[in-house]
């Protein structure tokens, strides 16, 4: 991501939440959270760069 500090902080929170899910043994929910995070993290720059 790199450009927007707010988006970077949201991703820090999201990955910390995913780590919390793993640490508490909610592994399936953590896998869903990880998949959503990776999809958004890669899809957002794609949308931004195609608009330019």
N, C-alpha and C. Protein backbone atom coordinates (compact mmCIF):
# COMPACT_ATOMS: atom_id res chain seq x y z
N UNK A 1 0.84 -1.17 0.00
CA UNK A 1 0.00 0.00 0.00
C UNK A 1 0.89 1.24 0.00
N UNK A 2 1.41 1.62 1.12
CA UNK A 2 2.46 2.61 1.19
C UNK A 2 2.06 4.07 1.18
N UNK A 3 1.02 4.47 0.48
CA UNK A 3 0.76 5.89 0.28
C UNK A 3 -0.15 6.50 1.35
N UNK A 4 -1.20 5.84 1.70
CA UNK A 4 -2.20 6.39 2.60
C UNK A 4 -1.98 5.84 4.01
N UNK A 5 -1.70 6.75 4.95
CA UNK A 5 -1.43 6.32 6.33
C UNK A 5 -2.64 5.70 6.99
N UNK A 6 -3.83 6.21 6.70
CA UNK A 6 -5.03 5.65 7.29
C UNK A 6 -5.23 4.20 6.85
N UNK A 7 -5.05 3.94 5.56
CA UNK A 7 -5.20 2.58 5.06
C UNK A 7 -4.15 1.67 5.68
N UNK A 8 -2.92 2.18 5.82
CA UNK A 8 -1.87 1.38 6.45
C UNK A 8 -2.23 1.03 7.89
N UNK A 9 -2.78 1.97 8.65
CA UNK A 9 -3.18 1.70 10.02
C UNK A 9 -4.34 0.70 10.08
N UNK A 10 -5.25 0.80 9.12
CA UNK A 10 -6.35 -0.17 9.08
C UNK A 10 -5.82 -1.58 8.83
N UNK A 11 -4.82 -1.70 7.96
CA UNK A 11 -4.25 -3.02 7.72
C UNK A 11 -3.46 -3.52 8.92
N UNK A 12 -2.79 -2.64 9.64
CA UNK A 12 -2.10 -3.05 10.87
C UNK A 12 -3.12 -3.60 11.86
N UNK A 13 -4.24 -2.91 12.00
CA UNK A 13 -5.29 -3.39 12.89
C UNK A 13 -5.84 -4.74 12.41
N UNK A 14 -6.07 -4.85 11.10
CA UNK A 14 -6.63 -6.09 10.54
C UNK A 14 -5.71 -7.28 10.79
N UNK A 15 -4.39 -7.08 10.53
CA UNK A 15 -3.45 -8.20 10.72
C UNK A 15 -3.27 -8.52 12.21
N UNK A 16 -3.36 -7.51 13.08
CA UNK A 16 -3.31 -7.77 14.52
C UNK A 16 -4.54 -8.56 14.96
N UNK A 17 -5.69 -8.24 14.41
CA UNK A 17 -6.92 -8.99 14.69
C UNK A 17 -6.79 -10.44 14.21
N UNK A 18 -6.20 -10.62 13.03
CA UNK A 18 -5.97 -11.97 12.50
C UNK A 18 -5.04 -12.75 13.42
N UNK A 19 -3.98 -12.10 13.90
CA UNK A 19 -3.07 -12.75 14.84
C UNK A 19 -3.79 -13.13 16.14
N UNK A 20 -4.66 -12.25 16.61
CA UNK A 20 -5.45 -12.55 17.81
C UNK A 20 -6.31 -13.80 17.60
N UNK A 21 -6.93 -13.89 16.42
CA UNK A 21 -7.76 -15.06 16.13
C UNK A 21 -6.93 -16.34 16.16
N UNK A 22 -5.74 -16.30 15.60
CA UNK A 22 -4.86 -17.48 15.61
C UNK A 22 -4.45 -17.82 17.04
N UNK A 23 -4.10 -16.79 17.81
CA UNK A 23 -3.62 -17.01 19.18
C UNK A 23 -4.72 -17.58 20.08
N UNK A 24 -5.97 -17.29 19.77
CA UNK A 24 -7.05 -17.80 20.60
C UNK A 24 -7.65 -19.09 20.06
N UNK A 25 -7.05 -19.63 19.01
CA UNK A 25 -7.47 -20.93 18.51
C UNK A 25 -8.65 -20.91 17.55
N UNK A 26 -9.02 -19.75 17.07
CA UNK A 26 -10.12 -19.65 16.10
C UNK A 26 -9.52 -19.68 14.69
N UNK A 27 -8.96 -20.82 14.34
CA UNK A 27 -8.15 -20.92 13.13
C UNK A 27 -8.95 -20.77 11.84
N UNK A 28 -10.13 -21.30 11.78
CA UNK A 28 -10.91 -21.18 10.55
C UNK A 28 -11.31 -19.74 10.30
N UNK A 29 -11.73 -19.05 11.34
CA UNK A 29 -12.07 -17.64 11.22
C UNK A 29 -10.84 -16.82 10.85
N UNK A 30 -9.69 -17.20 11.39
CA UNK A 30 -8.44 -16.52 11.06
C UNK A 30 -8.09 -16.72 9.59
N UNK A 31 -8.37 -17.89 9.05
CA UNK A 31 -8.10 -18.14 7.63
C UNK A 31 -8.99 -17.27 6.76
N UNK A 32 -10.25 -17.12 7.13
CA UNK A 32 -11.14 -16.22 6.38
C UNK A 32 -10.64 -14.78 6.46
N UNK A 33 -10.24 -14.35 7.66
CA UNK A 33 -9.73 -12.99 7.83
C UNK A 33 -8.46 -12.77 7.00
N UNK A 34 -7.60 -13.78 6.96
CA UNK A 34 -6.37 -13.67 6.19
C UNK A 34 -6.67 -13.59 4.70
N UNK A 35 -7.61 -14.38 4.24
CA UNK A 35 -7.99 -14.36 2.82
C UNK A 35 -8.58 -13.01 2.44
N UNK A 36 -9.45 -12.48 3.28
CA UNK A 36 -10.04 -11.17 3.01
C UNK A 36 -8.96 -10.09 3.00
N UNK A 37 -8.07 -10.14 3.98
CA UNK A 37 -6.99 -9.15 4.05
C UNK A 37 -6.10 -9.19 2.83
N UNK A 38 -5.72 -10.37 2.39
CA UNK A 38 -4.85 -10.47 1.21
C UNK A 38 -5.57 -10.01 -0.05
N UNK A 39 -6.85 -10.35 -0.18
CA UNK A 39 -7.61 -9.93 -1.35
C UNK A 39 -7.74 -8.41 -1.41
N UNK A 40 -8.07 -7.80 -0.30
CA UNK A 40 -8.20 -6.34 -0.27
C UNK A 40 -6.85 -5.67 -0.46
N UNK A 41 -5.81 -6.21 0.15
CA UNK A 41 -4.48 -5.62 0.06
C UNK A 41 -3.95 -5.63 -1.37
N UNK A 42 -4.32 -6.61 -2.15
CA UNK A 42 -3.89 -6.67 -3.54
C UNK A 42 -4.90 -6.03 -4.49
N UNK A 43 -6.16 -6.07 -4.15
CA UNK A 43 -7.19 -5.52 -5.03
C UNK A 43 -7.28 -4.00 -4.98
N UNK A 44 -7.02 -3.42 -3.84
CA UNK A 44 -7.12 -1.97 -3.68
C UNK A 44 -6.12 -1.22 -4.58
N UNK A 45 -4.84 -1.58 -4.60
CA UNK A 45 -3.93 -0.90 -5.52
C UNK A 45 -4.30 -1.12 -6.99
N UNK A 46 -4.83 -2.28 -7.31
CA UNK A 46 -5.24 -2.55 -8.68
C UNK A 46 -6.35 -1.59 -9.10
N UNK A 47 -7.33 -1.39 -8.24
CA UNK A 47 -8.41 -0.45 -8.54
C UNK A 47 -7.89 0.98 -8.63
N UNK A 48 -7.00 1.36 -7.73
CA UNK A 48 -6.47 2.73 -7.72
C UNK A 48 -5.65 2.99 -8.98
N UNK A 49 -4.81 2.04 -9.37
CA UNK A 49 -3.94 2.26 -10.53
C UNK A 49 -4.69 2.19 -11.85
N UNK A 50 -5.80 1.47 -11.91
CA UNK A 50 -6.55 1.42 -13.17
C UNK A 50 -7.40 2.66 -13.36
N UNK A 51 -7.67 3.40 -12.29
CA UNK A 51 -8.42 4.66 -12.41
C UNK A 51 -7.56 5.79 -12.96
N UNK A 52 -6.25 5.69 -12.79
CA UNK A 52 -5.35 6.77 -13.24
C UNK A 52 -5.13 6.74 -14.72
